Amino acid sequence: MHKLLVIQTAFTGDVVLATSVIEKLHTSFPGSQIDFLLRKGNEGLLQGHPFITNLLVWDKKKNKQKNLLQMAMRVRKEKYTHVINIHRFATSGLITFLSGAKYKAGFDKNPFSFCYTKKVAHVISEPYSANPVHEVARNQLLIADIAGKDWEFPKLYPSSADNEFIRQYQNGPYVCVAPSSVWFTKQFPAEQWVSLINQLPAHYQVHILGAPGDSQLGDEIVNKTVHAKVQNLCGKLGYLQSAALMKGAEMNYANDSAPLHFASAMDAPVTAVFCSTVPAFGFGPLRANARVVEIGERLYCRPCGLHGHKACPEGHFRCAKEITNEQLLWWTSRTT
């Protein structure tokens, strides 16, 4: 029987997109053991996942090097037949190198790619490519030879307890707004979120979603809006609870960040706001009930990078500030 390990120790959104590989491996190797290695803090995404046998959690913040070697030795003892490393950096490459697996797949950008039996180029499409390649499709290339070329959607699996918990927030039609991002230039400005919420129809409850560290931003938005039904839930819901809440929303708003991928994984409606980055990089929404909103003009400075910046390099931040409420409210005409 096959014994497979998938590695993705990057950020939350990257793990969500990697679940597409889990779905495909389960379809191609039914009954096989599939384990997943991720960084500590992201394990809540995959708790109770029906196709994952074991979650391997690496603490990257405390005793990083010691924990890395311990994890590498643990992986080696497991005697995996296949290791699929979606992460592109040296730490995960070392684990793959030491795994002893006969099938080792990963991207060529990893410094340990010399040890892979299957090596794939990780190619980012041009900013305004007519046929951009999504990250899910790039990940699928790692297993195309053993699982076929067609990819499956990423999926998250909230538990019955998660669904029961969020029912208290589902007492009528609602909209979810995930206003934060790790990078300033990927984050729609707070004052524009406020302006948008003020124009949402009054009968919608608005839930502000985010991590505990986003609570201050959530409070700022709630305190400044004149909409009567806005609630800050930042830090009050787990990952899967947030995903479950998004599933039932009339609309979800998210930056180019993890909540956007939650929506794709839950087949939830989403309006994806792209400021300094562009969907062609491969991290846009995947489902039909989604729309990308971005500035209509091709700015000379956009995109200014793959991941964003702590401040607008040009000082004007036009890529965010010139997005209009009319663009963002595209869906309300069909629901009112």
C-alpha atoms as a PDB file:
ATOM      1  CA  MET A   1       0.000   0.000   0.000  1.00  0.00           C
ATOM      2  CA  HIS A   2       1.149   3.510  -0.757  1.00  0.00           C
ATOM      3  CA  LYS A   3       2.101   5.763   2.137  1.00  0.00           C
ATOM      4  CA  LEU A   4       2.145   9.401   1.070  1.00  0.00           C
ATOM      5  CA  LEU A   5       3.291  12.617   2.720  1.00  0.00           C
ATOM      6  CA  VAL A   6       2.403  16.102   1.480  1.00  0.00           C
ATOM      7  CA  ILE A   7       4.505  18.999   2.803  1.00  0.00           C
ATOM      8  CA  GLN A   8       3.395  22.626   2.850  1.00  0.00           C
ATOM      9  CA  THR A   9       4.861  24.652   5.721  1.00  0.00           C
ATOM     10  CA  ALA A  10       4.152  28.096   4.268  1.00  0.00           C
ATOM     11  CA  PHE A  11       1.258  30.407   5.134  1.00  0.00           C
ATOM     12  CA  THR A  12      -2.388  29.632   5.830  1.00  0.00           C
ATOM     13  CA  GLY A  13      -3.628  30.295   2.294  1.00  0.00           C
ATOM     14  CA  ASP A  14      -0.926  28.058   0.838  1.00  0.00           C
ATOM     15  CA  VAL A  15      -2.099  25.170   2.998  1.00  0.00           C
ATOM     16  CA  VAL A  16      -5.691  25.681   1.862  1.00  0.00           C
ATOM     17  CA  LEU A  17      -4.644  25.549  -1.792  1.00  0.00           C
ATOM     18  CA  ALA A  18      -2.563  22.442  -1.087  1.00  0.00           C
ATOM     19  CA  THR A  19      -5.704  20.561  -0.064  1.00  0.00           C
ATOM     20  CA  SER A  20      -6.402  20.163  -3.771  1.00  0.00           C
ATOM     21  CA  VAL A  21      -3.461  17.756  -3.867  1.00  0.00           C
ATOM     22  CA  ILE A  22      -4.962  15.800  -0.966  1.00  0.00           C
ATOM     23  CA  GLU A  23      -8.265  15.518  -2.829  1.00  0.00           C
ATOM     24  CA  LYS A  24      -6.523  14.246  -5.957  1.00  0.00           C
ATOM     25  CA  LEU A  25      -4.323  11.753  -4.122  1.00  0.00           C
ATOM     26  CA  HIS A  26      -7.324  10.347  -2.293  1.00  0.00           C
ATOM     27  CA  THR A  27      -9.125   9.860  -5.607  1.00  0.00           C
ATOM     28  CA  SER A  28      -6.094   8.255  -7.247  1.00  0.00           C
ATOM     29  CA  PHE A  29      -4.958   6.108  -4.307  1.00  0.00           C
ATOM     30  CA  PRO A  30      -8.098   5.150  -2.376  1.00  0.00           C
ATOM     31  CA  GLY A  31      -7.368   3.463   0.920  1.00  0.00           C
ATOM     32  CA  SER A  32      -3.775   4.683   1.057  1.00  0.00           C
ATOM     33  CA  GLN A  33      -2.332   6.558   4.018  1.00  0.00           C
ATOM     34  CA  ILE A  34      -2.001  10.281   3.331  1.00  0.00           C
ATOM     35  CA  ASP A  35      -0.236  12.459   5.906  1.00  0.00           C
ATOM     36  CA  PHE A  36       0.295  16.211   5.844  1.00  0.00           C
ATOM     37  CA  LEU A  37       3.177  18.231   7.286  1.00  0.00           C
ATOM     38  CA  LEU A  38       2.549  21.896   8.114  1.00  0.00           C
ATOM     39  CA  ARG A  39       3.765  24.653  10.396  1.00  0.00           C
ATOM     40  CA  LYS A  40       2.432  25.053  13.927  1.00  0.00           C
ATOM     41  CA  GLY A  41      -0.538  27.390  13.935  1.00  0.00           C
ATOM     42  CA  ASN A  42      -2.074  26.027  10.746  1.00  0.00           C
ATOM     43  CA  GLU A  43      -3.108  22.625  12.058  1.00  0.00           C
ATOM     44  CA  GLY A  44      -6.626  23.887  12.785  1.00  0.00           C
ATOM     45  CA  LEU A  45      -7.252  24.049   9.041  1.00  0.00           C
ATOM     46  CA  LEU A  46      -7.030  20.281   8.644  1.00  0.00           C
ATOM     47  CA  GLN A  47      -8.377  18.985  11.942  1.00  0.00           C
ATOM     48  CA  GLY A  48     -10.769  16.131  11.239  1.00  0.00           C
ATOM     49  CA  HIS A  49      -9.977  16.077   7.525  1.00  0.00           C
ATOM     50  CA  PRO A  50     -11.518  12.843   6.228  1.00  0.00           C
ATOM     51  CA  PHE A  51      -8.645  11.971   3.886  1.00  0.00           C
ATOM     52  CA  ILE A  52      -5.681  12.776   6.139  1.00  0.00           C
ATOM     53  CA  THR A  53      -4.417  10.044   8.465  1.00  0.00           C
ATOM     54  CA  ASN A  54      -1.842  12.034  10.443  1.00  0.00           C
ATOM     55  CA  LEU A  55      -0.996  15.709  10.791  1.00  0.00           C
ATOM     56  CA  LEU A  56       2.701  16.394  11.361  1.00  0.00           C
ATOM     57  CA  VAL A  57       3.156  19.793  12.999  1.00  0.00           C
ATOM     58  CA  TRP A  58       6.512  21.582  12.869  1.00  0.00           C
ATOM     59  CA  ASP A  59       7.133  24.453  15.286  1.00  0.00           C
ATOM     60  CA  LYS A  60       9.109  26.985  13.240  1.00  0.00           C
ATOM     61  CA  LYS A  61       9.208  29.680  15.926  1.00  0.00           C
ATOM     62  CA  LYS A  62      10.771  27.910  18.917  1.00  0.00           C
ATOM     63  CA  ASN A  63      13.982  25.882  18.607  1.00  0.00           C
ATOM     64  CA  LYS A  64      13.510  25.943  14.839  1.00  0.00           C
ATOM     65  CA  GLN A  65      16.622  24.013  13.840  1.00  0.00           C
ATOM     66  CA  LYS A  66      16.277  21.387  16.574  1.00  0.00           C
ATOM     67  CA  ASN A  67      12.621  20.849  15.724  1.00  0.00           C
ATOM     68  CA  LEU A  68      13.475  20.674  12.029  1.00  0.00           C
ATOM     69  CA  LEU A  69      15.935  17.837  12.545  1.00  0.00           C
ATOM     70  CA  GLN A  70      13.522  16.011  14.844  1.00  0.00           C
ATOM     71  CA  MET A  71      10.810  16.306  12.215  1.00  0.00           C
ATOM     72  CA  ALA A  72      13.160  15.081   9.494  1.00  0.00           C
ATOM     73  CA  MET A  73      14.013  12.023  11.569  1.00  0.00           C
ATOM     74  CA  ARG A  74      10.339  11.377  12.300  1.00  0.00           C
ATOM     75  CA  VAL A  75       9.536  11.514   8.592  1.00  0.00           C
ATOM     76  CA  ARG A  76      12.383   9.133   7.814  1.00  0.00           C
ATOM     77  CA  LYS A  77      11.137   6.612  10.396  1.00  0.00           C
ATOM     78  CA  GLU A  78       7.684   6.640   8.800  1.00  0.00           C
ATOM     79  CA  LYS A  79       9.148   5.129   5.592  1.00  0.00           C
ATOM     80  CA  TYR A  80       6.895   7.005   3.177  1.00  0.00           C
ATOM     81  CA  THR A  81       6.722   5.666  -0.348  1.00  0.00           C
ATOM     82  CA  HIS A  82       5.923   9.146  -1.745  1.00  0.00           C
ATOM     83  CA  VAL A  83       6.836  12.620  -0.488  1.00  0.00           C
ATOM     84  CA  ILE A  84       5.272  15.554  -2.328  1.00  0.00           C
ATOM     85  CA  ASN A  85       6.882  18.804  -1.235  1.00  0.00           C
ATOM     86  CA  ILE A  86       4.823  21.827  -2.293  1.00  0.00           C
ATOM     87  CA  HIS A  87       6.939  24.216  -0.218  1.00  0.00           C
ATOM     88  CA  ARG A  88       9.790  25.804  -2.169  1.00  0.00           C
ATOM     89  CA  PHE A  89      12.363  26.519   0.515  1.00  0.00           C
ATOM     90  CA  ALA A  90      15.344  24.739   2.041  1.00  0.00           C
ATOM     91  CA  THR A  91      13.826  23.550   5.319  1.00  0.00           C
ATOM     92  CA  SER A  92      11.191  21.387   3.659  1.00  0.00           C
ATOM     93  CA  GLY A  93      13.752  20.338   1.049  1.00  0.00           C
ATOM     94  CA  LEU A  94      15.973  18.950   3.797  1.00  0.00           C
ATOM     95  CA  ILE A  95      13.079  16.913   5.193  1.00  0.00           C
ATOM     96  CA  THR A  96      12.374  15.567   1.714  1.00  0.00           C
ATOM     97  CA  PHE A  97      16.059  14.780   1.113  1.00  0.00           C
ATOM     98  CA  LEU A  98      16.328  12.786   4.345  1.00  0.00           C
ATOM     99  CA  SER A  99      12.951  11.057   3.978  1.00  0.00           C
ATOM    100  CA  GLY A 100      14.248   7.979   2.161  1.00  0.00           C
ATOM    101  CA  ALA A 101      11.142   7.934  -0.048  1.00  0.00           C
ATOM    102  CA  LYS A 102      11.582   6.436  -3.511  1.00  0.00           C
ATOM    103  CA  TYR A 103       9.264   9.067  -5.010  1.00  0.00           C
ATOM    104  CA  LYS A 104      10.215  12.604  -4.073  1.00  0.00           C
ATOM    105  CA  ALA A 105       8.465  15.422  -5.944  1.00  0.00           C
ATOM    106  CA  GLY A 106       8.895  19.171  -5.612  1.00  0.00           C
ATOM    107  CA  PHE A 107       9.542  22.462  -7.350  1.00  0.00           C
ATOM    108  CA  ASP A 108      12.863  23.296  -8.947  1.00  0.00           C
ATOM    109  CA  LYS A 109      13.207  26.474  -6.850  1.00  0.00           C
ATOM    110  CA  ASN A 110      13.857  24.410  -3.732  1.00  0.00           C
ATOM    111  CA  PRO A 111      17.613  24.257  -2.939  1.00  0.00           C
ATOM    112  CA  PHE A 112      17.270  20.492  -2.380  1.00  0.00           C
ATOM    113  CA  SER A 113      15.562  19.875  -5.710  1.00  0.00           C
ATOM    114  CA  PHE A 114      18.636  17.916  -6.845  1.00  0.00           C
ATOM    115  CA  CYS A 115      17.348  14.988  -4.773  1.00  0.00           C
ATOM    116  CA  TYR A 116      13.856  14.933  -6.304  1.00  0.00           C
ATOM    117  CA  THR A 117      12.806  12.099  -8.563  1.00  0.00           C
ATOM    118  CA  LYS A 118      10.153  14.441  -9.986  1.00  0.00           C
ATOM    119  CA  LYS A 119      11.132  18.097 -10.390  1.00  0.00           C
ATOM    120  CA  VAL A 120       8.751  20.747 -11.719  1.00  0.00           C
ATOM    121  CA  ALA A 121       9.343  24.358 -12.720  1.00  0.00           C
ATOM    122  CA  HIS A 122       7.334  26.807 -10.625  1.00  0.00           C
ATOM    123  CA  VAL A 123       6.416  29.412 -13.231  1.00  0.00           C
ATOM    124  CA  ILE A 124       4.516  32.579 -12.340  1.00  0.00           C
ATOM    125  CA  SER A 125       2.478  33.909 -15.261  1.00  0.00           C
ATOM    126  CA  GLU A 126       3.044  37.392 -16.643  1.00  0.00           C
ATOM    127  CA  PRO A 127       0.971  40.046 -14.822  1.00  0.00           C
ATOM    128  CA  TYR A 128      -1.664  40.438 -17.536  1.00  0.00           C
ATOM    129  CA  SER A 129      -1.453  37.023 -19.159  1.00  0.00           C
ATOM    130  CA  ALA A 130      -4.553  35.949 -21.057  1.00  0.00           C
ATOM    131  CA  ASN A 131      -4.201  32.392 -19.745  1.00  0.00           C
ATOM    132  CA  PRO A 132      -2.604  32.548 -16.307  1.00  0.00           C
ATOM    133  CA  VAL A 133      -1.748  29.395 -14.382  1.00  0.00           C
ATOM    134  CA  HIS A 134      -3.312  29.077 -10.949  1.00  0.00           C
ATOM    135  CA  GLU A 135      -1.269  27.862  -7.981  1.00  0.00           C
ATOM    136  CA  VAL A 136      -3.582  24.849  -7.706  1.00  0.00           C
ATOM    137  CA  ALA A 137      -2.654  23.855 -11.261  1.00  0.00           C
ATOM    138  CA  ARG A 138       1.044  24.371 -10.507  1.00  0.00           C
ATOM    139  CA  ASN A 139       0.765  22.128  -7.453  1.00  0.00           C
ATOM    140  CA  GLN A 140      -1.025  19.477  -9.500  1.00  0.00           C
ATOM    141  CA  LEU A 141       1.987  19.216 -11.815  1.00  0.00           C
ATOM    142  CA  LEU A 142       3.899  17.622  -8.943  1.00  0.00           C
ATOM    143  CA  ILE A 143       1.671  14.549  -9.045  1.00  0.00           C
ATOM    144  CA  ALA A 144       0.513  14.588 -12.679  1.00  0.00           C
ATOM    145  CA  ASP A 145       2.575  11.495 -13.510  1.00  0.00           C
ATOM    146  CA  ILE A 146       1.002   9.421 -10.729  1.00  0.00           C
ATOM    147  CA  ALA A 147      -2.472  10.989 -10.430  1.00  0.00           C
ATOM    148  CA  GLY A 148      -3.262  12.482 -13.822  1.00  0.00           C
ATOM    149  CA  LYS A 149      -3.243  16.026 -15.147  1.00  0.00           C
ATOM    150  CA  ASP A 150      -6.710  17.113 -14.038  1.00  0.00           C
ATOM    151  CA  TRP A 151      -6.856  18.879 -10.692  1.00  0.00           C
ATOM    152  CA  GLU A 152      -9.577  19.016  -8.077  1.00  0.00           C
ATOM    153  CA  PHE A 153     -10.782  21.983  -6.070  1.00  0.00           C
ATOM    154  CA  PRO A 154      -9.257  22.617  -2.657  1.00  0.00           C
ATOM    155  CA  LYS A 155     -11.647  21.744   0.153  1.00  0.00           C
ATOM    156  CA  LEU A 156     -12.009  22.376   3.860  1.00  0.00           C
ATOM    157  CA  TYR A 157     -14.137  20.244   6.167  1.00  0.00           C
ATOM    158  CA  PRO A 158     -15.727  22.073   9.106  1.00  0.00           C
ATOM    159  CA  SER A 159     -17.067  19.648  11.703  1.00  0.00           C
ATOM    160  CA  SER A 160     -20.674  19.392  12.858  1.00  0.00           C
ATOM    161  CA  ALA A 161     -19.530  21.207  16.015  1.00  0.00           C
ATOM    162  CA  ASP A 162     -18.117  24.044  13.887  1.00  0.00           C
ATOM    163  CA  ASN A 163     -21.388  24.349  12.001  1.00  0.00           C
ATOM    164  CA  GLU A 164     -23.368  24.272  15.242  1.00  0.00           C
ATOM    165  CA  PHE A 165     -21.189  26.992  16.786  1.00  0.00           C
ATOM    166  CA  ILE A 166     -21.654  29.476  13.956  1.00  0.00           C
ATOM    167  CA  ARG A 167     -25.439  29.144  13.876  1.00  0.00           C
ATOM    168  CA  GLN A 168     -25.625  31.932  16.471  1.00  0.00           C
ATOM    169  CA  TYR A 169     -24.395  34.300  13.741  1.00  0.00           C
ATOM    170  CA  GLN A 170     -26.828  33.106  11.099  1.00  0.00           C
ATOM    171  CA  ASN A 171     -30.089  34.685  12.207  1.00  0.00           C
ATOM    172  CA  GLY A 172     -30.747  36.313   8.855  1.00  0.00           C
ATOM    173  CA  PRO A 173     -28.923  37.263   5.653  1.00  0.00           C
ATOM    174  CA  TYR A 174     -25.342  38.286   6.226  1.00  0.00           C
ATOM    175  CA  VAL A 175     -22.133  39.428   4.562  1.00  0.00           C
ATOM    176  CA  CYS A 176     -18.604  38.543   5.721  1.00  0.00           C
ATOM    177  CA  VAL A 177     -15.703  40.972   5.377  1.00  0.00           C
ATOM    178  CA  ALA A 178     -12.108  39.818   5.927  1.00  0.00           C
ATOM    179  CA  PRO A 179     -10.318  43.192   5.847  1.00  0.00           C
ATOM    180  CA  SER A 180      -6.756  42.282   6.797  1.00  0.00           C
ATOM    181  CA  SER A 181      -3.609  41.059   5.062  1.00  0.00           C
ATOM    182  CA  VAL A 182      -0.035  40.418   6.135  1.00  0.00           C
ATOM    183  CA  TRP A 183       1.106  42.997   3.572  1.00  0.00           C
ATOM    184  CA  PHE A 184      -0.058  46.618   3.596  1.00  0.00           C
ATOM    185  CA  THR A 185      -0.240  46.935  -0.177  1.00  0.00           C
ATOM    186  CA  LYS A 186      -2.436  43.829  -0.449  1.00  0.00           C
ATOM    187  CA  GLN A 187      -4.905  45.239   2.067  1.00  0.00           C
ATOM    188  CA  PHE A 188      -7.849  47.368   0.995  1.00  0.00           C
ATOM    189  CA  PRO A 189      -7.738  50.479   3.238  1.00  0.00           C
ATOM    190  CA  ALA A 190      -9.879  50.481   6.386  1.00  0.00           C
ATOM    191  CA  GLU A 191     -11.667  53.685   5.414  1.00  0.00           C
ATOM    192  CA  GLN A 192     -12.754  52.099   2.153  1.00  0.00           C
ATOM    193  CA  TRP A 193     -14.062  49.022   3.933  1.00  0.00           C
ATOM    194  CA  VAL A 194     -16.072  51.419   6.096  1.00  0.00           C
ATOM    195  CA  SER A 195     -17.408  53.204   3.024  1.00  0.00           C
ATOM    196  CA  LEU A 196     -18.403  49.903   1.448  1.00  0.00           C
ATOM    197  CA  ILE A 197     -20.161  48.629   4.576  1.00  0.00           C
ATOM    198  CA  ASN A 198     -22.066  51.897   4.866  1.00  0.00           C
ATOM    199  CA  GLN A 199     -23.551  51.255   1.431  1.00  0.00           C
ATOM    200  CA  LEU A 200     -24.545  47.641   2.019  1.00  0.00           C
ATOM    201  CA  PRO A 201     -28.327  47.181   2.281  1.00  0.00           C
ATOM    202  CA  ALA A 202     -29.457  47.744   5.861  1.00  0.00           C
ATOM    203  CA  HIS A 203     -31.015  44.284   6.298  1.00  0.00           C
ATOM    204  CA  TYR A 204     -27.642  42.532   6.033  1.00  0.00           C
ATOM    205  CA  GLN A 205     -25.730  41.623   9.165  1.00  0.00           C
ATOM    206  CA  VAL A 206     -22.018  42.255   8.537  1.00  0.00           C
ATOM    207  CA  HIS A 207     -19.445  39.977  10.181  1.00  0.00           C
ATOM    208  CA  ILE A 208     -15.824  41.146  10.300  1.00  0.00           C
ATOM    209  CA  LEU A 209     -13.523  38.096  10.155  1.00  0.00           C
ATOM    210  CA  GLY A 210      -9.859  37.746  10.983  1.00  0.00           C
ATOM    211  CA  ALA A 211      -7.231  36.469  13.388  1.00  0.00           C
ATOM    212  CA  PRO A 212      -6.807  37.721  16.969  1.00  0.00           C
ATOM    213  CA  GLY A 213      -4.223  40.199  15.712  1.00  0.00           C
ATOM    214  CA  ASP A 214      -6.848  41.756  13.452  1.00  0.00           C
ATOM    215  CA  SER A 215      -9.158  42.716  16.326  1.00  0.00           C
ATOM    216  CA  GLN A 216      -7.967  46.318  16.425  1.00  0.00           C
ATOM    217  CA  LEU A 217      -8.640  46.742  12.715  1.00  0.00           C
ATOM    218  CA  GLY A 218     -12.057  45.142  13.173  1.00  0.00           C
ATOM    219  CA  ASP A 219     -12.893  47.514  16.030  1.00  0.00           C
ATOM    220  CA  GLU A 220     -11.779  50.481  13.938  1.00  0.00           C
ATOM    221  CA  ILE A 221     -14.135  49.506  11.137  1.00  0.00           C
ATOM    222  CA  VAL A 222     -17.066  48.828  13.485  1.00  0.00           C
ATOM    223  CA  ASN A 223     -16.579  52.130  15.318  1.00  0.00           C
ATOM    224  CA  LYS A 224     -16.442  54.195  12.137  1.00  0.00           C
ATOM    225  CA  THR A 225     -19.305  52.651  10.180  1.00  0.00           C
ATOM    226  CA  VAL A 226     -22.869  53.955  10.362  1.00  0.00           C
ATOM    227  CA  HIS A 227     -24.299  50.600   9.309  1.00  0.00           C
ATOM    228  CA  ALA A 228     -26.434  49.387  12.218  1.00  0.00           C
ATOM    229  CA  LYS A 229     -25.558  45.700  12.022  1.00  0.00           C
ATOM    230  CA  VAL A 230     -21.791  45.196  12.084  1.00  0.00           C
ATOM    231  CA  GLN A 231     -20.031  42.728  14.382  1.00  0.00           C
ATOM    232  CA  ASN A 232     -16.304  42.211  14.930  1.00  0.00           C
ATOM    233  CA  LEU A 233     -15.559  38.473  15.097  1.00  0.00           C
ATOM    234  CA  CYS A 234     -11.775  38.741  14.666  1.00  0.00           C
ATOM    235  CA  GLY A 235     -10.137  36.200  16.954  1.00  0.00           C
ATOM    236  CA  LYS A 236     -13.457  34.696  18.021  1.00  0.00           C
ATOM    237  CA  LEU A 237     -13.675  31.954  15.401  1.00  0.00           C
ATOM    238  CA  GLY A 238     -11.313  29.173  14.439  1.00  0.00           C
ATOM    239  CA  TYR A 239     -10.279  28.646  10.827  1.00  0.00           C
ATOM    240  CA  LEU A 240     -12.942  26.060  10.088  1.00  0.00           C
ATOM    241  CA  GLN A 241     -15.625  28.024  11.907  1.00  0.00           C
ATOM    242  CA  SER A 242     -14.800  31.057   9.769  1.00  0.00           C
ATOM    243  CA  ALA A 243     -14.935  28.892   6.652  1.00  0.00           C
ATOM    244  CA  ALA A 244     -18.317  27.495   7.685  1.00  0.00           C
ATOM    245  CA  LEU A 245     -19.668  31.009   8.290  1.00  0.00           C
ATOM    246  CA  MET A 246     -18.419  32.154   4.884  1.00  0.00           C
ATOM    247  CA  LYS A 247     -20.224  29.259   3.223  1.00  0.00           C
ATOM    248  CA  GLY A 248     -23.608  30.647   4.269  1.00  0.00           C
ATOM    249  CA  ALA A 249     -22.933  34.295   3.434  1.00  0.00           C
ATOM    250  CA  GLU A 250     -24.717  36.207   0.714  1.00  0.00           C
ATOM    251  CA  MET A 251     -21.276  37.604  -0.136  1.00  0.00           C
ATOM    252  CA  ASN A 252     -17.765  37.411   1.242  1.00  0.00           C
ATOM    253  CA  TYR A 253     -15.176  40.144   0.758  1.00  0.00           C
ATOM    254  CA  ALA A 254     -11.478  39.358   0.977  1.00  0.00           C
ATOM    255  CA  ASN A 255      -8.112  40.714  -0.083  1.00  0.00           C
ATOM    256  CA  ASP A 256      -5.531  38.657  -1.958  1.00  0.00           C
ATOM    257  CA  SER A 257      -5.102  36.603   1.225  1.00  0.00           C
ATOM    258  CA  ALA A 258      -6.110  33.389   3.000  1.00  0.00           C
ATOM    259  CA  PRO A 259      -9.860  34.109   3.429  1.00  0.00           C
ATOM    260  CA  LEU A 260     -10.150  34.300  -0.348  1.00  0.00           C
ATOM    261  CA  HIS A 261      -8.942  30.701  -0.512  1.00  0.00           C
ATOM    262  CA  PHE A 262     -11.321  29.722   2.297  1.00  0.00           C
ATOM    263  CA  ALA A 263     -14.123  30.855  -0.026  1.00  0.00           C
ATOM    264  CA  SER A 264     -12.765  28.772  -2.908  1.00  0.00           C
ATOM    265  CA  ALA A 265     -12.440  25.729  -0.659  1.00  0.00           C
ATOM    266  CA  MET A 266     -16.029  26.122   0.584  1.00  0.00           C
ATOM    267  CA  ASP A 267     -17.510  27.038  -2.811  1.00  0.00           C
ATOM    268  CA  ALA A 268     -18.715  30.251  -1.173  1.00  0.00           C
ATOM    269  CA  PRO A 269     -19.469  33.482  -3.052  1.00  0.00           C
ATOM    270  CA  VAL A 270     -16.583  35.923  -2.882  1.00  0.00           C
ATOM    271  CA  THR A 271     -15.514  39.309  -4.128  1.00  0.00           C
ATOM    272  CA  ALA A 272     -11.721  39.289  -4.248  1.00  0.00           C
ATOM    273  CA  VAL A 273     -10.132  42.722  -3.924  1.00  0.00           C
ATOM    274  CA  PHE A 274      -6.718  42.898  -5.600  1.00  0.00           C
ATOM    275  CA  CYS A 275      -4.689  46.007  -4.834  1.00  0.00           C
ATOM    276  CA  SER A 276      -0.941  45.853  -5.559  1.00  0.00           C
ATOM    277  CA  THR A 277      -0.938  42.234  -6.765  1.00  0.00           C
ATOM    278  CA  VAL A 278      -2.749  40.708  -9.739  1.00  0.00           C
ATOM    279  CA  PRO A 279      -4.776  37.502 -10.187  1.00  0.00           C
ATOM    280  CA  ALA A 280      -2.449  36.336 -12.963  1.00  0.00           C
ATOM    281  CA  PHE A 281       0.142  35.443 -10.334  1.00  0.00           C
ATOM    282  CA  GLY A 282      -2.078  32.433  -9.645  1.00  0.00           C
ATOM    283  CA  PHE A 283      -3.883  33.182  -6.389  1.00  0.00           C
ATOM    284  CA  GLY A 284      -7.284  34.347  -7.563  1.00  0.00           C
ATOM    285  CA  PRO A 285     -10.668  32.779  -6.781  1.00  0.00           C
ATOM    286  CA  LEU A 286     -11.481  29.414  -8.338  1.00  0.00           C
ATOM    287  CA  ARG A 287     -15.248  29.079  -8.299  1.00  0.00           C
ATOM    288  CA  ALA A 288     -17.909  30.424 -10.649  1.00  0.00           C
ATOM    289  CA  ASN A 289     -19.657  32.445  -7.911  1.00  0.00           C
ATOM    290  CA  ALA A 290     -16.698  34.814  -7.554  1.00  0.00           C
ATOM    291  CA  ARG A 291     -15.513  38.070  -9.002  1.00  0.00           C
ATOM    292  CA  VAL A 292     -12.173  39.863  -8.937  1.00  0.00           C
ATOM    293  CA  VAL A 293     -12.312  43.589  -8.322  1.00  0.00           C
ATOM    294  CA  GLU A 294      -9.297  45.736  -9.178  1.00  0.00           C
ATOM    295  CA  ILE A 295      -8.484  49.141 -10.579  1.00  0.00           C
ATOM    296  CA  GLY A 296      -9.534  49.378 -14.221  1.00  0.00           C
ATOM    297  CA  GLU A 297      -6.431  51.229 -15.380  1.00  0.00           C
ATOM    298  CA  ARG A 298      -3.153  49.421 -15.982  1.00  0.00           C
ATOM    299  CA  LEU A 299      -0.941  51.435 -13.665  1.00  0.00           C
ATOM    300  CA  TYR A 300       2.714  51.786 -14.593  1.00  0.00           C
ATOM    301  CA  CYS A 301       3.670  50.554 -11.089  1.00  0.00           C
ATOM    302  CA  ARG A 302       1.281  47.628 -10.728  1.00  0.00           C
ATOM    303  CA  PRO A 303       2.049  44.947  -9.785  1.00  0.00           C
ATOM    304  CA  CYS A 304       4.869  46.207  -7.602  1.00  0.00           C
ATOM    305  CA  GLY A 305       5.792  42.723  -6.423  1.00  0.00           C
ATOM    306  CA  LEU A 306       4.608  39.171  -5.973  1.00  0.00           C
ATOM    307  CA  HIS A 307       3.819  39.429  -2.272  1.00  0.00           C
ATOM    308  CA  GLY A 308       3.219  43.103  -1.550  1.00  0.00           C
ATOM    309  CA  HIS A 309       5.034  45.736   0.518  1.00  0.00           C
ATOM    310  CA  LYS A 310       4.802  47.383   3.920  1.00  0.00           C
ATOM    311  CA  ALA A 311       4.002  50.673   2.159  1.00  0.00           C
ATOM    312  CA  CYS A 312       3.229  51.811  -1.368  1.00  0.00           C
ATOM    313  CA  PRO A 313       6.611  52.265  -3.103  1.00  0.00           C
ATOM    314  CA  GLU A 314       5.208  55.209  -5.083  1.00  0.00           C
ATOM    315  CA  GLY A 315       3.431  56.806  -2.151  1.00  0.00           C
ATOM    316  CA  HIS A 316       0.004  57.151  -3.802  1.00  0.00           C
ATOM    317  CA  PHE A 317      -1.535  53.653  -3.376  1.00  0.00           C
ATOM    318  CA  ARG A 318      -3.804  54.276  -6.349  1.00  0.00           C
ATOM    319  CA  CYS A 319      -4.244  50.552  -6.968  1.00  0.00           C
ATOM    320  CA  ALA A 320      -6.399  50.419  -3.828  1.00  0.00           C
ATOM    321  CA  LYS A 321      -7.750  53.923  -3.454  1.00  0.00           C
ATOM    322  CA  GLU A 322      -9.269  54.092  -6.918  1.00  0.00           C
ATOM    323  CA  ILE A 323     -11.368  50.948  -6.502  1.00  0.00           C
ATOM    324  CA  THR A 324     -14.983  52.084  -6.187  1.00  0.00           C
ATOM    325  CA  ASN A 325     -17.975  50.934  -4.176  1.00  0.00           C
ATOM    326  CA  GLU A 326     -19.858  50.490  -7.441  1.00  0.00           C
ATOM    327  CA  GLN A 327     -17.384  47.787  -8.408  1.00  0.00           C
ATOM    328  CA  LEU A 328     -17.683  46.096  -5.027  1.00  0.00           C
ATOM    329  CA  LEU A 329     -21.482  46.151  -4.902  1.00  0.00           C
ATOM    330  CA  TRP A 330     -21.901  44.370  -8.236  1.00  0.00           C
ATOM    331  CA  TRP A 331     -23.902  41.524  -6.665  1.00  0.00           C
ATOM    332  CA  THR A 332     -26.504  43.537  -4.749  1.00  0.00           C
ATOM    333  CA  SER A 333     -28.666  44.262  -7.797  1.00  0.00           C
ATOM    334  CA  ARG A 334     -29.486  40.561  -8.061  1.00  0.00           C
ATOM    335  CA  THR A 335     -30.457  40.195  -4.393  1.00  0.00           C
ATOM    336  CA  THR A 336     -32.512  43.320  -3.756  1.00  0.00           C
END
